[in-house]
Amino acid sequence: MPNLIIHGKKLKALPLKSGTRHIYPLSPLLFNIVLGILAREIRQEKEIKVIKKRKEVKLSLFAEDMILYLDFQNTPPEDCWN
C-alpha cells in the first residue's frame, strides 16, 4: 500500500483500487513498462518542482519501489491525490 511521508510525518496510506498479483508471470514486465512511462512523464513535467539539496532528483526507482520528491508549495498534499 502506498505511503506518504511529508516533513517527517507519515500520512494515512493510499488505498489501491486494483493491481496484479505477483503470481502472474507478466506482472513484473507490466510493472516495469508502466513504471518506465510514469517515470518519463514525471521527469518531463514542468509543474513538478525538484527539491533542491545536493543534486536534482524528482524520483528514485528501485525494483518495485518508487520514491517521489515533490514540492506542493501552497497546495495541501492531500488535495493532490484527489
N, C-alpha and C. Protein backbone atom coordinates (compact mmCIF):
# COMPACT_ATOMS: atom_id res chain seq x y z
N MET A 1 0.84 -1.17 0.00
CA MET A 1 0.00 0.00 0.00
C MET A 1 0.89 1.24 0.00
N PRO A 2 0.62 2.20 -0.86
CA PRO A 2 1.44 3.41 -0.93
C PRO A 2 1.38 4.22 0.35
N ASN A 3 2.52 4.69 0.78
CA ASN A 3 2.61 5.53 1.97
C ASN A 3 3.14 6.90 1.59
N LEU A 4 2.72 7.90 2.36
CA LEU A 4 3.20 9.26 2.17
C LEU A 4 3.88 9.71 3.45
N ILE A 5 5.08 10.26 3.30
CA ILE A 5 5.77 10.88 4.42
C ILE A 5 6.07 12.31 4.00
N ILE A 6 5.49 13.26 4.72
CA ILE A 6 5.65 14.67 4.38
C ILE A 6 6.18 15.39 5.61
N HIS A 7 7.34 16.03 5.45
CA HIS A 7 8.02 16.73 6.54
C HIS A 7 8.21 15.81 7.73
N GLY A 8 8.54 14.54 7.46
CA GLY A 8 8.80 13.58 8.52
C GLY A 8 7.56 12.97 9.15
N LYS A 9 6.38 13.40 8.73
CA LYS A 9 5.13 12.89 9.30
C LYS A 9 4.50 11.91 8.31
N LYS A 10 4.23 10.69 8.78
CA LYS A 10 3.63 9.67 7.93
C LYS A 10 2.12 9.90 7.87
N LEU A 11 1.61 10.06 6.65
CA LEU A 11 0.18 10.26 6.46
C LEU A 11 -0.52 8.93 6.27
N LYS A 12 -1.84 8.97 6.27
CA LYS A 12 -2.64 7.77 6.07
C LYS A 12 -2.30 7.15 4.71
N ALA A 13 -2.19 5.82 4.68
CA ALA A 13 -1.83 5.11 3.44
C ALA A 13 -2.90 5.30 2.38
N LEU A 14 -2.46 5.35 1.12
CA LEU A 14 -3.39 5.48 0.00
C LEU A 14 -3.93 4.10 -0.37
N PRO A 15 -5.25 3.95 -0.45
CA PRO A 15 -5.80 2.64 -0.82
C PRO A 15 -5.63 2.39 -2.32
N LEU A 16 -5.29 1.16 -2.66
CA LEU A 16 -5.19 0.78 -4.07
C LEU A 16 -6.52 0.18 -4.50
N LYS A 17 -6.98 0.58 -5.68
CA LYS A 17 -8.26 0.08 -6.17
C LYS A 17 -8.10 -1.18 -7.00
N SER A 18 -6.93 -1.39 -7.59
CA SER A 18 -6.70 -2.59 -8.39
C SER A 18 -5.20 -2.84 -8.48
N GLY A 19 -4.85 -3.99 -8.98
CA GLY A 19 -3.45 -4.35 -9.12
C GLY A 19 -3.33 -5.73 -9.71
N THR A 20 -2.12 -6.18 -9.89
CA THR A 20 -1.89 -7.54 -10.37
C THR A 20 -1.17 -8.33 -9.29
N ARG A 21 -1.47 -9.59 -9.21
CA ARG A 21 -0.82 -10.45 -8.23
C ARG A 21 0.57 -10.81 -8.72
N HIS A 22 1.45 -11.05 -7.79
CA HIS A 22 2.82 -11.40 -8.15
C HIS A 22 2.94 -12.78 -8.76
N ILE A 23 1.88 -13.60 -8.65
CA ILE A 23 1.96 -14.95 -9.21
C ILE A 23 1.81 -14.95 -10.73
N TYR A 24 1.30 -13.86 -11.29
CA TYR A 24 1.14 -13.80 -12.74
C TYR A 24 2.50 -13.54 -13.38
N PRO A 25 2.88 -14.34 -14.39
CA PRO A 25 4.22 -14.20 -14.97
C PRO A 25 4.46 -12.85 -15.64
N LEU A 26 3.41 -12.16 -16.08
CA LEU A 26 3.60 -10.87 -16.75
C LEU A 26 3.63 -9.69 -15.77
N SER A 27 3.35 -9.92 -14.49
CA SER A 27 3.30 -8.82 -13.53
C SER A 27 4.57 -7.98 -13.51
N PRO A 28 5.76 -8.56 -13.38
CA PRO A 28 6.97 -7.72 -13.36
C PRO A 28 7.18 -6.94 -14.65
N LEU A 29 6.90 -7.56 -15.78
CA LEU A 29 7.07 -6.88 -17.06
C LEU A 29 6.09 -5.72 -17.19
N LEU A 30 4.82 -5.96 -16.85
CA LEU A 30 3.82 -4.89 -16.92
C LEU A 30 4.17 -3.75 -15.97
N PHE A 31 4.63 -4.10 -14.78
CA PHE A 31 5.02 -3.08 -13.81
C PHE A 31 6.15 -2.21 -14.36
N ASN A 32 7.16 -2.85 -14.93
CA ASN A 32 8.30 -2.11 -15.47
C ASN A 32 7.91 -1.23 -16.65
N ILE A 33 7.01 -1.69 -17.49
CA ILE A 33 6.55 -0.87 -18.62
C ILE A 33 5.82 0.37 -18.11
N VAL A 34 4.87 0.16 -17.20
CA VAL A 34 4.09 1.29 -16.67
C VAL A 34 4.98 2.23 -15.86
N LEU A 35 5.88 1.67 -15.06
CA LEU A 35 6.77 2.50 -14.25
C LEU A 35 7.70 3.33 -15.13
N GLY A 36 8.17 2.75 -16.22
CA GLY A 36 9.03 3.50 -17.14
C GLY A 36 8.30 4.67 -17.77
N ILE A 37 7.06 4.45 -18.17
CA ILE A 37 6.25 5.53 -18.75
C ILE A 37 5.99 6.61 -17.71
N LEU A 38 5.60 6.19 -16.50
CA LEU A 38 5.33 7.14 -15.42
C LEU A 38 6.58 7.95 -15.08
N ALA A 39 7.73 7.29 -14.99
CA ALA A 39 8.98 7.98 -14.66
C ALA A 39 9.32 9.01 -15.73
N ARG A 40 9.15 8.67 -17.00
CA ARG A 40 9.45 9.61 -18.08
C ARG A 40 8.54 10.83 -17.99
N GLU A 41 7.26 10.61 -17.74
CA GLU A 41 6.31 11.72 -17.64
C GLU A 41 6.63 12.62 -16.45
N ILE A 42 7.00 12.03 -15.32
CA ILE A 42 7.34 12.83 -14.14
C ILE A 42 8.58 13.67 -14.40
N ARG A 43 9.58 13.08 -15.03
CA ARG A 43 10.82 13.82 -15.31
C ARG A 43 10.59 14.97 -16.28
N GLN A 44 9.65 14.82 -17.20
CA GLN A 44 9.39 15.86 -18.20
C GLN A 44 8.41 16.92 -17.73
N GLU A 45 7.66 16.63 -16.68
CA GLU A 45 6.62 17.55 -16.21
C GLU A 45 7.25 18.78 -15.56
N LYS A 46 6.94 19.94 -16.08
CA LYS A 46 7.50 21.20 -15.56
C LYS A 46 6.83 21.64 -14.27
N GLU A 47 5.59 21.21 -14.03
CA GLU A 47 4.87 21.62 -12.83
C GLU A 47 5.39 20.91 -11.58
N ILE A 48 6.07 19.78 -11.75
CA ILE A 48 6.63 19.08 -10.60
C ILE A 48 7.97 19.71 -10.29
N LYS A 49 8.03 20.37 -9.15
CA LYS A 49 9.25 21.06 -8.74
C LYS A 49 10.20 20.08 -8.08
N VAL A 50 11.47 20.30 -8.26
CA VAL A 50 12.50 19.46 -7.68
C VAL A 50 12.90 20.01 -6.32
N ILE A 51 13.01 19.13 -5.35
CA ILE A 51 13.50 19.55 -4.05
C ILE A 51 15.01 19.70 -4.15
N LYS A 52 15.51 20.89 -3.90
CA LYS A 52 16.94 21.19 -4.07
C LYS A 52 17.71 20.78 -2.82
N LYS A 53 18.60 19.87 -3.00
CA LYS A 53 19.57 19.51 -1.95
C LYS A 53 20.91 19.45 -2.63
N ARG A 54 21.57 18.32 -2.61
CA ARG A 54 22.87 18.21 -3.26
C ARG A 54 22.75 18.08 -4.77
N LYS A 55 21.79 17.35 -5.23
CA LYS A 55 21.58 17.19 -6.66
C LYS A 55 20.08 17.18 -6.93
N GLU A 56 19.72 17.42 -8.17
CA GLU A 56 18.31 17.47 -8.52
C GLU A 56 17.77 16.07 -8.77
N VAL A 57 16.77 15.70 -7.99
CA VAL A 57 16.13 14.39 -8.13
C VAL A 57 14.63 14.60 -8.03
N LYS A 58 13.89 14.05 -8.97
CA LYS A 58 12.43 14.08 -8.89
C LYS A 58 11.89 12.75 -8.37
N LEU A 59 12.55 11.66 -8.74
CA LEU A 59 12.11 10.36 -8.26
C LEU A 59 13.26 9.39 -8.23
N SER A 60 13.12 8.38 -7.36
CA SER A 60 14.08 7.30 -7.26
C SER A 60 13.34 6.00 -7.50
N LEU A 61 13.91 5.13 -8.33
CA LEU A 61 13.29 3.85 -8.65
C LEU A 61 14.24 2.73 -8.25
N PHE A 62 13.69 1.71 -7.58
CA PHE A 62 14.46 0.53 -7.25
C PHE A 62 13.50 -0.65 -7.14
N ALA A 63 13.71 -1.65 -7.98
CA ALA A 63 12.84 -2.83 -8.04
C ALA A 63 11.40 -2.36 -8.19
N GLU A 64 10.53 -2.73 -7.23
CA GLU A 64 9.13 -2.32 -7.36
C GLU A 64 8.79 -1.11 -6.49
N ASP A 65 9.80 -0.42 -6.02
CA ASP A 65 9.59 0.75 -5.16
C ASP A 65 9.87 2.03 -5.93
N MET A 66 9.11 3.06 -5.60
CA MET A 66 9.31 4.37 -6.21
C MET A 66 9.17 5.42 -5.12
N ILE A 67 10.10 6.36 -5.08
CA ILE A 67 10.03 7.49 -4.16
C ILE A 67 9.95 8.75 -4.99
N LEU A 68 8.91 9.56 -4.75
CA LEU A 68 8.75 10.84 -5.42
C LEU A 68 9.15 11.95 -4.46
N TYR A 69 9.91 12.91 -4.95
CA TYR A 69 10.29 14.09 -4.19
C TYR A 69 9.51 15.26 -4.78
N LEU A 70 8.47 15.71 -4.07
CA LEU A 70 7.59 16.72 -4.62
C LEU A 70 7.56 17.96 -3.75
N ASP A 71 7.35 19.10 -4.38
CA ASP A 71 7.17 20.36 -3.68
C ASP A 71 5.76 20.83 -3.98
N PHE A 72 4.89 20.77 -2.97
CA PHE A 72 3.49 21.13 -3.16
C PHE A 72 3.24 22.62 -3.05
N GLN A 73 4.21 23.37 -2.58
CA GLN A 73 4.10 24.81 -2.35
C GLN A 73 2.89 25.11 -1.48
N ASN A 74 1.87 25.76 -1.99
CA ASN A 74 0.72 26.16 -1.16
C ASN A 74 -0.44 25.19 -1.22
N THR A 75 -0.28 24.06 -1.89
CA THR A 75 -1.35 23.08 -2.00
C THR A 75 -1.18 22.02 -0.92
N PRO A 76 -2.23 21.78 -0.12
CA PRO A 76 -2.13 20.69 0.86
C PRO A 76 -1.90 19.37 0.14
N PRO A 77 -0.97 18.54 0.61
CA PRO A 77 -0.66 17.28 -0.08
C PRO A 77 -1.87 16.40 -0.31
N GLU A 78 -2.81 16.39 0.64
CA GLU A 78 -4.00 15.55 0.49
C GLU A 78 -4.81 15.94 -0.74
N ASP A 79 -4.80 17.21 -1.11
CA ASP A 79 -5.57 17.68 -2.27
C ASP A 79 -4.96 17.23 -3.59
N CYS A 80 -3.70 16.87 -3.60
CA CYS A 80 -3.03 16.47 -4.84
C CYS A 80 -3.42 15.08 -5.29
N TRP A 81 -3.99 14.27 -4.43
CA TRP A 81 -4.34 12.89 -4.78
C TRP A 81 -5.79 12.76 -5.19
N ASN A 82 -6.55 13.81 -5.11
CA ASN A 82 -7.98 13.74 -5.48
C ASN A 82 -8.20 14.04 -6.93
